[in-house]
C-alpha atoms as a PDB file:
ATOM      1  CA  UNK A   1     -33.540  -0.779  -1.978  1.00  0.00           C
ATOM      2  CA  UNK A   2     -30.676   1.364  -3.281  1.00  0.00           C
ATOM      3  CA  UNK A   3     -29.767  -1.230  -5.905  1.00  0.00           C
ATOM      4  CA  UNK A   4     -33.167  -1.175  -7.623  1.00  0.00           C
ATOM      5  CA  UNK A   5     -34.235   0.950 -10.554  1.00  0.00           C
ATOM      6  CA  UNK A   6     -37.226   1.247 -12.868  1.00  0.00           C
ATOM      7  CA  UNK A   7     -37.161   0.704 -16.607  1.00  0.00           C
ATOM      8  CA  UNK A   8     -39.475  -0.768 -19.257  1.00  0.00           C
ATOM      9  CA  UNK A   9     -39.511  -4.401 -20.342  1.00  0.00           C
ATOM     10  CA  UNK A  10     -40.043  -4.002 -24.092  1.00  0.00           C
ATOM     11  CA  UNK A  11     -40.789  -1.374 -26.712  1.00  0.00           C
ATOM     12  CA  UNK A  12     -44.108   0.462 -26.618  1.00  0.00           C
ATOM     13  CA  UNK A  13     -45.779   3.132 -28.724  1.00  0.00           C
ATOM     14  CA  UNK A  14     -48.053   6.096 -28.249  1.00  0.00           C
ATOM     15  CA  UNK A  15     -49.775   8.391 -30.748  1.00  0.00           C
ATOM     16  CA  UNK A  16     -50.901  11.997 -30.389  1.00  0.00           C
ATOM     17  CA  UNK A  17     -52.632  14.063 -33.086  1.00  0.00           C
ATOM     18  CA  UNK A  18     -53.030  17.822 -33.209  1.00  0.00           C
ATOM     19  CA  UNK A  19     -54.212  20.062 -36.105  1.00  0.00           C
ATOM     20  CA  UNK A  20     -53.275  17.515 -38.742  1.00  0.00           C
ATOM     21  CA  UNK A  21     -49.851  16.710 -37.314  1.00  0.00           C
ATOM     22  CA  UNK A  22     -49.261  13.176 -36.122  1.00  0.00           C
ATOM     23  CA  UNK A  23     -46.767  12.384 -33.362  1.00  0.00           C
ATOM     24  CA  UNK A  24     -45.692   8.744 -33.010  1.00  0.00           C
ATOM     25  CA  UNK A  25     -43.694   8.033 -29.854  1.00  0.00           C
ATOM     26  CA  UNK A  26     -41.582   4.896 -29.539  1.00  0.00           C
ATOM     27  CA  UNK A  27     -40.246   4.047 -26.072  1.00  0.00           C
ATOM     28  CA  UNK A  28     -37.725   1.248 -25.623  1.00  0.00           C
ATOM     29  CA  UNK A  29     -35.164  -0.071 -23.121  1.00  0.00           C
ATOM     30  CA  UNK A  30     -31.571   0.783 -23.996  1.00  0.00           C
ATOM     31  CA  UNK A  31     -28.219   0.377 -22.255  1.00  0.00           C
ATOM     32  CA  UNK A  32     -25.756   2.324 -24.402  1.00  0.00           C
ATOM     33  CA  UNK A  33     -25.621   5.382 -26.615  1.00  0.00           C
ATOM     34  CA  UNK A  34     -24.353   3.246 -29.504  1.00  0.00           C
ATOM     35  CA  UNK A  35     -27.420   0.988 -29.402  1.00  0.00           C
ATOM     36  CA  UNK A  36     -29.668   4.049 -29.213  1.00  0.00           C
ATOM     37  CA  UNK A  37     -28.048   5.539 -32.342  1.00  0.00           C
ATOM     38  CA  UNK A  38     -28.612   2.263 -34.209  1.00  0.00           C
ATOM     39  CA  UNK A  39     -32.297   2.321 -33.259  1.00  0.00           C
ATOM     40  CA  UNK A  40     -32.609   5.966 -34.345  1.00  0.00           C
ATOM     41  CA  UNK A  41     -31.197   5.115 -37.785  1.00  0.00           C
ATOM     42  CA  UNK A  42     -33.681   2.245 -38.056  1.00  0.00           C
ATOM     43  CA  UNK A  43     -36.619   4.469 -37.095  1.00  0.00           C
ATOM     44  CA  UNK A  44     -35.648   7.037 -39.724  1.00  0.00           C
ATOM     45  CA  UNK A  45     -35.567   4.316 -42.378  1.00  0.00           C
ATOM     46  CA  UNK A  46     -39.004   3.063 -41.266  1.00  0.00           C
ATOM     47  CA  UNK A  47     -40.481   6.602 -41.407  1.00  0.00           C
ATOM     48  CA  UNK A  48     -38.661   8.281 -44.333  1.00  0.00           C
ATOM     49  CA  UNK A  49     -41.402  10.882 -44.914  1.00  0.00           C
ATOM     50  CA  UNK A  50     -41.553  12.253 -41.368  1.00  0.00           C
ATOM     51  CA  UNK A  51     -40.551  15.881 -40.718  1.00  0.00           C
ATOM     52  CA  UNK A  52     -38.815  15.470 -37.325  1.00  0.00           C
ATOM     53  CA  UNK A  53     -37.282  12.700 -35.199  1.00  0.00           C
ATOM     54  CA  UNK A  54     -37.011  14.179 -31.715  1.00  0.00           C
ATOM     55  CA  UNK A  55     -35.779  12.141 -28.793  1.00  0.00           C
ATOM     56  CA  UNK A  56     -34.582  11.820 -25.219  1.00  0.00           C
ATOM     57  CA  UNK A  57     -32.858   9.074 -23.294  1.00  0.00           C
ATOM     58  CA  UNK A  58     -31.460   8.373 -19.847  1.00  0.00           C
ATOM     59  CA  UNK A  59     -28.865   5.721 -19.103  1.00  0.00           C
ATOM     60  CA  UNK A  60     -27.222   4.434 -15.945  1.00  0.00           C
ATOM     61  CA  UNK A  61     -28.238   3.916 -12.351  1.00  0.00           C
ATOM     62  CA  UNK A  62     -25.774   5.842 -10.212  1.00  0.00           C
ATOM     63  CA  UNK A  63     -24.381   8.482 -12.541  1.00  0.00           C
ATOM     64  CA  UNK A  64     -27.150   9.102 -15.035  1.00  0.00           C
ATOM     65  CA  UNK A  65     -26.207   9.948 -18.612  1.00  0.00           C
ATOM     66  CA  UNK A  66     -28.957  11.712 -20.539  1.00  0.00           C
ATOM     67  CA  UNK A  67     -29.531  13.530 -23.818  1.00  0.00           C
ATOM     68  CA  UNK A  68     -32.430  15.207 -25.547  1.00  0.00           C
ATOM     69  CA  UNK A  69     -32.701  16.629 -29.050  1.00  0.00           C
ATOM     70  CA  UNK A  70     -35.225  18.886 -30.807  1.00  0.00           C
ATOM     71  CA  UNK A  71     -34.201  17.861 -34.359  1.00  0.00           C
ATOM     72  CA  UNK A  72     -35.096  21.194 -35.919  1.00  0.00           C
ATOM     73  CA  UNK A  73     -38.100  22.073 -33.774  1.00  0.00           C
ATOM     74  CA  UNK A  74     -37.858  25.355 -31.801  1.00  0.00           C
ATOM     75  CA  UNK A  75     -35.429  25.076 -28.877  1.00  0.00           C
ATOM     76  CA  UNK A  76     -36.712  23.047 -25.888  1.00  0.00           C
ATOM     77  CA  UNK A  77     -40.124  22.351 -27.453  1.00  0.00           C
ATOM     78  CA  UNK A  78     -39.530  18.643 -28.169  1.00  0.00           C
ATOM     79  CA  UNK A  79     -36.564  16.891 -26.565  1.00  0.00           C
ATOM     80  CA  UNK A  80     -36.977  18.502 -23.161  1.00  0.00           C
ATOM     81  CA  UNK A  81     -40.695  17.646 -22.723  1.00  0.00           C
ATOM     82  CA  UNK A  82     -39.949  14.087 -23.891  1.00  0.00           C
ATOM     83  CA  UNK A  83     -37.186  13.837 -21.299  1.00  0.00           C
ATOM     84  CA  UNK A  84     -39.537  15.304 -18.722  1.00  0.00           C
ATOM     85  CA  UNK A  85     -41.777  12.254 -19.078  1.00  0.00           C
ATOM     86  CA  UNK A  86     -38.858   9.874 -18.523  1.00  0.00           C
ATOM     87  CA  UNK A  87     -38.155  11.792 -15.311  1.00  0.00           C
ATOM     88  CA  UNK A  88     -41.835  11.909 -14.359  1.00  0.00           C
ATOM     89  CA  UNK A  89     -42.104   8.113 -14.609  1.00  0.00           C
ATOM     90  CA  UNK A  90     -38.770   7.794 -12.722  1.00  0.00           C
ATOM     91  CA  UNK A  91     -37.181   5.598 -15.392  1.00  0.00           C
ATOM     92  CA  UNK A  92     -33.639   4.943 -16.556  1.00  0.00           C
ATOM     93  CA  UNK A  93     -32.047   2.856 -19.317  1.00  0.00           C
ATOM     94  CA  UNK A  94     -34.921   4.125 -21.450  1.00  0.00           C
ATOM     95  CA  UNK A  95     -35.170   6.108 -24.690  1.00  0.00           C
ATOM     96  CA  UNK A  96     -38.108   7.727 -26.459  1.00  0.00           C
ATOM     97  CA  UNK A  97     -38.123   8.804 -30.100  1.00  0.00           C
ATOM     98  CA  UNK A  98     -41.067  10.910 -31.265  1.00  0.00           C
ATOM     99  CA  UNK A  99     -41.644  10.986 -35.014  1.00  0.00           C
ATOM    100  CA  UNK A 100     -43.605  13.961 -36.325  1.00  0.00           C
ATOM    101  CA  UNK A 101     -45.567  14.024 -39.537  1.00  0.00           C
ATOM    102  CA  UNK A 102     -46.335  17.688 -40.212  1.00  0.00           C
ATOM    103  CA  UNK A 103     -49.954  18.421 -40.946  1.00  0.00           C
ATOM    104  CA  UNK A 104     -49.561  21.874 -42.513  1.00  0.00           C
ATOM    105  CA  UNK A 105     -50.550  23.968 -39.477  1.00  0.00           C
ATOM    106  CA  UNK A 106     -47.967  25.351 -37.044  1.00  0.00           C
ATOM    107  CA  UNK A 107     -48.724  24.542 -33.417  1.00  0.00           C
ATOM    108  CA  UNK A 108     -46.710  27.287 -31.716  1.00  0.00           C
ATOM    109  CA  UNK A 109     -44.303  26.812 -28.832  1.00  0.00           C
ATOM    110  CA  UNK A 110     -46.877  25.779 -26.219  1.00  0.00           C
ATOM    111  CA  UNK A 111     -48.639  23.508 -28.705  1.00  0.00           C
ATOM    112  CA  UNK A 112     -45.406  21.710 -29.592  1.00  0.00           C
ATOM    113  CA  UNK A 113     -44.409  21.262 -25.955  1.00  0.00           C
ATOM    114  CA  UNK A 114     -47.822  19.781 -25.194  1.00  0.00           C
ATOM    115  CA  UNK A 115     -47.786  17.507 -28.241  1.00  0.00           C
ATOM    116  CA  UNK A 116     -44.359  16.006 -27.598  1.00  0.00           C
ATOM    117  CA  UNK A 117     -45.118  15.621 -23.914  1.00  0.00           C
ATOM    118  CA  UNK A 118     -48.430  13.859 -24.547  1.00  0.00           C
ATOM    119  CA  UNK A 119     -46.966  11.559 -27.208  1.00  0.00           C
ATOM    120  CA  UNK A 120     -44.132  10.489 -24.883  1.00  0.00           C
ATOM    121  CA  UNK A 121     -46.552  10.101 -21.983  1.00  0.00           C
ATOM    122  CA  UNK A 122     -48.812   7.896 -24.109  1.00  0.00           C
ATOM    123  CA  UNK A 123     -45.912   5.591 -25.021  1.00  0.00           C
ATOM    124  CA  UNK A 124     -44.912   5.204 -21.357  1.00  0.00           C
ATOM    125  CA  UNK A 125     -48.503   4.651 -20.267  1.00  0.00           C
ATOM    126  CA  UNK A 126     -48.582   1.758 -22.737  1.00  0.00           C
ATOM    127  CA  UNK A 127     -45.246   0.374 -21.511  1.00  0.00           C
ATOM    128  CA  UNK A 128     -44.753  -2.450 -19.030  1.00  0.00           C
ATOM    129  CA  UNK A 129     -42.688  -0.836 -16.270  1.00  0.00           C
ATOM    130  CA  UNK A 130     -40.458  -3.170 -14.273  1.00  0.00           C
ATOM    131  CA  UNK A 131     -38.039  -2.938 -11.371  1.00  0.00           C
ATOM    132  CA  UNK A 132     -34.548  -4.300 -11.980  1.00  0.00           C
ATOM    133  CA  UNK A 133     -31.552  -4.837  -9.744  1.00  0.00           C
ATOM    134  CA  UNK A 134     -28.234  -3.100 -10.272  1.00  0.00           C
ATOM    135  CA  UNK A 135     -25.878  -5.972 -11.131  1.00  0.00           C
ATOM    136  CA  UNK A 136     -22.119  -6.405 -11.471  1.00  0.00           C
ATOM    137  CA  UNK A 137     -20.499  -8.559 -14.119  1.00  0.00           C
ATOM    138  CA  UNK A 138     -17.302 -10.438 -13.294  1.00  0.00           C
ATOM    139  CA  UNK A 139     -15.002 -12.746 -15.211  1.00  0.00           C
ATOM    140  CA  UNK A 140     -13.194 -15.718 -13.691  1.00  0.00           C
ATOM    141  CA  UNK A 141     -10.338 -17.739 -15.176  1.00  0.00           C
ATOM    142  CA  UNK A 142      -9.266 -21.129 -13.861  1.00  0.00           C
ATOM    143  CA  UNK A 143      -7.457 -24.327 -14.789  1.00  0.00           C
ATOM    144  CA  UNK A 144      -9.053 -27.660 -15.621  1.00  0.00           C
ATOM    145  CA  UNK A 145      -7.955 -29.136 -12.272  1.00  0.00           C
ATOM    146  CA  UNK A 146     -10.346 -26.896 -10.279  1.00  0.00           C
ATOM    147  CA  UNK A 147     -13.186 -26.784 -12.811  1.00  0.00           C
ATOM    148  CA  UNK A 148     -15.482 -29.052 -10.773  1.00  0.00           C
ATOM    149  CA  UNK A 149     -14.993 -26.912  -7.634  1.00  0.00           C
ATOM    150  CA  UNK A 150     -15.791 -23.766  -9.573  1.00  0.00           C
ATOM    151  CA  UNK A 151     -18.867 -25.187 -11.292  1.00  0.00           C
ATOM    152  CA  UNK A 152     -20.201 -26.594  -8.002  1.00  0.00           C
ATOM    153  CA  UNK A 153     -19.810 -23.208  -6.329  1.00  0.00           C
ATOM    154  CA  UNK A 154     -21.590 -21.446  -9.212  1.00  0.00           C
ATOM    155  CA  UNK A 155     -24.433 -23.935  -8.980  1.00  0.00           C
ATOM    156  CA  UNK A 156     -24.745 -23.562  -5.194  1.00  0.00           C
ATOM    157  CA  UNK A 157     -24.867 -19.769  -5.435  1.00  0.00           C
ATOM    158  CA  UNK A 158     -27.259 -19.879  -8.428  1.00  0.00           C
ATOM    159  CA  UNK A 159     -25.118 -17.384 -10.341  1.00  0.00           C
ATOM    160  CA  UNK A 160     -26.290 -16.213 -13.738  1.00  0.00           C
ATOM    161  CA  UNK A 161     -23.698 -17.237 -16.348  1.00  0.00           C
ATOM    162  CA  UNK A 162     -23.706 -14.934 -19.364  1.00  0.00           C
ATOM    163  CA  UNK A 163     -20.681 -16.338 -21.214  1.00  0.00           C
ATOM    164  CA  UNK A 164     -18.430 -19.340 -20.760  1.00  0.00           C
ATOM    165  CA  UNK A 165     -15.556 -21.214 -22.412  1.00  0.00           C
ATOM    166  CA  UNK A 166     -14.656 -24.527 -20.806  1.00  0.00           C
ATOM    167  CA  UNK A 167     -11.476 -25.952 -22.327  1.00  0.00           C
ATOM    168  CA  UNK A 168      -8.037 -26.498 -20.778  1.00  0.00           C
ATOM    169  CA  UNK A 169      -8.516 -23.092 -19.184  1.00  0.00           C
ATOM    170  CA  UNK A 170     -12.030 -22.118 -18.158  1.00  0.00           C
ATOM    171  CA  UNK A 171     -13.327 -18.570 -18.623  1.00  0.00           C
ATOM    172  CA  UNK A 172     -16.745 -17.665 -17.247  1.00  0.00           C
ATOM    173  CA  UNK A 173     -18.535 -14.336 -17.062  1.00  0.00           C
ATOM    174  CA  UNK A 174     -21.336 -14.106 -14.548  1.00  0.00           C
ATOM    175  CA  UNK A 175     -23.808 -11.495 -13.371  1.00  0.00           C
ATOM    176  CA  UNK A 176     -24.695 -10.898  -9.738  1.00  0.00           C
ATOM    177  CA  UNK A 177     -26.729  -8.401  -7.771  1.00  0.00           C
ATOM    178  CA  UNK A 178     -24.460  -5.602  -6.594  1.00  0.00           C
ATOM    179  CA  UNK A 179     -25.393  -5.881  -2.929  1.00  0.00           C
ATOM    180  CA  UNK A 180     -24.325  -9.553  -2.927  1.00  0.00           C
ATOM    181  CA  UNK A 181     -21.193  -9.127  -5.027  1.00  0.00           C
ATOM    182  CA  UNK A 182     -18.592  -8.506  -2.324  1.00  0.00           C
ATOM    183  CA  UNK A 183     -19.510 -11.651  -0.397  1.00  0.00           C
ATOM    184  CA  UNK A 184     -19.449 -13.858  -3.514  1.00  0.00           C
ATOM    185  CA  UNK A 185     -16.145 -12.422  -4.742  1.00  0.00           C
ATOM    186  CA  UNK A 186     -14.498 -13.104  -1.384  1.00  0.00           C
ATOM    187  CA  UNK A 187     -15.678 -16.710  -1.510  1.00  0.00           C
ATOM    188  CA  UNK A 188     -14.340 -17.120  -5.042  1.00  0.00           C
ATOM    189  CA  UNK A 189     -10.951 -15.863  -3.872  1.00  0.00           C
ATOM    190  CA  UNK A 190     -10.736 -18.798  -1.458  1.00  0.00           C
ATOM    191  CA  UNK A 191     -10.504 -21.166  -4.432  1.00  0.00           C
ATOM    192  CA  UNK A 192      -6.784 -21.550  -5.198  1.00  0.00           C
ATOM    193  CA  UNK A 193      -5.436 -20.679  -8.664  1.00  0.00           C
ATOM    194  CA  UNK A 194      -8.593 -18.820  -9.676  1.00  0.00           C
ATOM    195  CA  UNK A 195      -8.401 -15.318 -11.116  1.00  0.00           C
ATOM    196  CA  UNK A 196     -11.386 -12.978 -10.856  1.00  0.00           C
ATOM    197  CA  UNK A 197     -11.891  -9.480 -12.244  1.00  0.00           C
ATOM    198  CA  UNK A 198     -14.696  -6.955 -12.288  1.00  0.00           C
ATOM    199  CA  UNK A 199     -15.942  -6.038 -15.793  1.00  0.00           C
ATOM    200  CA  UNK A 200     -18.842  -3.602 -15.438  1.00  0.00           C
ATOM    201  CA  UNK A 201     -22.058  -2.625 -13.699  1.00  0.00           C
ATOM    202  CA  UNK A 202     -25.367  -3.029 -15.517  1.00  0.00           C
END
């Protein structure tokens, strides 16, 4: 299906050791660059004595946003091989940070590439890979007089509500699989005095 993608369910770790250096890879699901940056700050605080914090991530399902960073290692010896494993496992909405504790012996370009690749690969091998649907999030607004009609329709369609405020004016945000969105939106529009707007794709 074109509206399916692969990611990982929860964080996982992998470890690779070479000539005294220790590489700890942390893979985790992520949906924005801001959240990734927060996690990177946290990792640095948890490993204050590490020499390098190299990483790669890929976000999005249609237009993929990606970054990789060598954090002081020779160019393309760390971030790129980490990113290569994300590609190899065909994943998105995923980030990997590899923390390096230097062991006193330089590994050389090929040694570094191999080490970062193997650490990232180990983390993904330990991850629980899942398939997820590409979903759209919409917001509807409606008056109290049609609240029962709206709630009955939501229940019938088994829509996933992610946020709601039910007062004099109801506001509900719901998530729906992208391939089913057009049909559901058209049905919502048949309810008089209801406003609906698209928010984002996740």
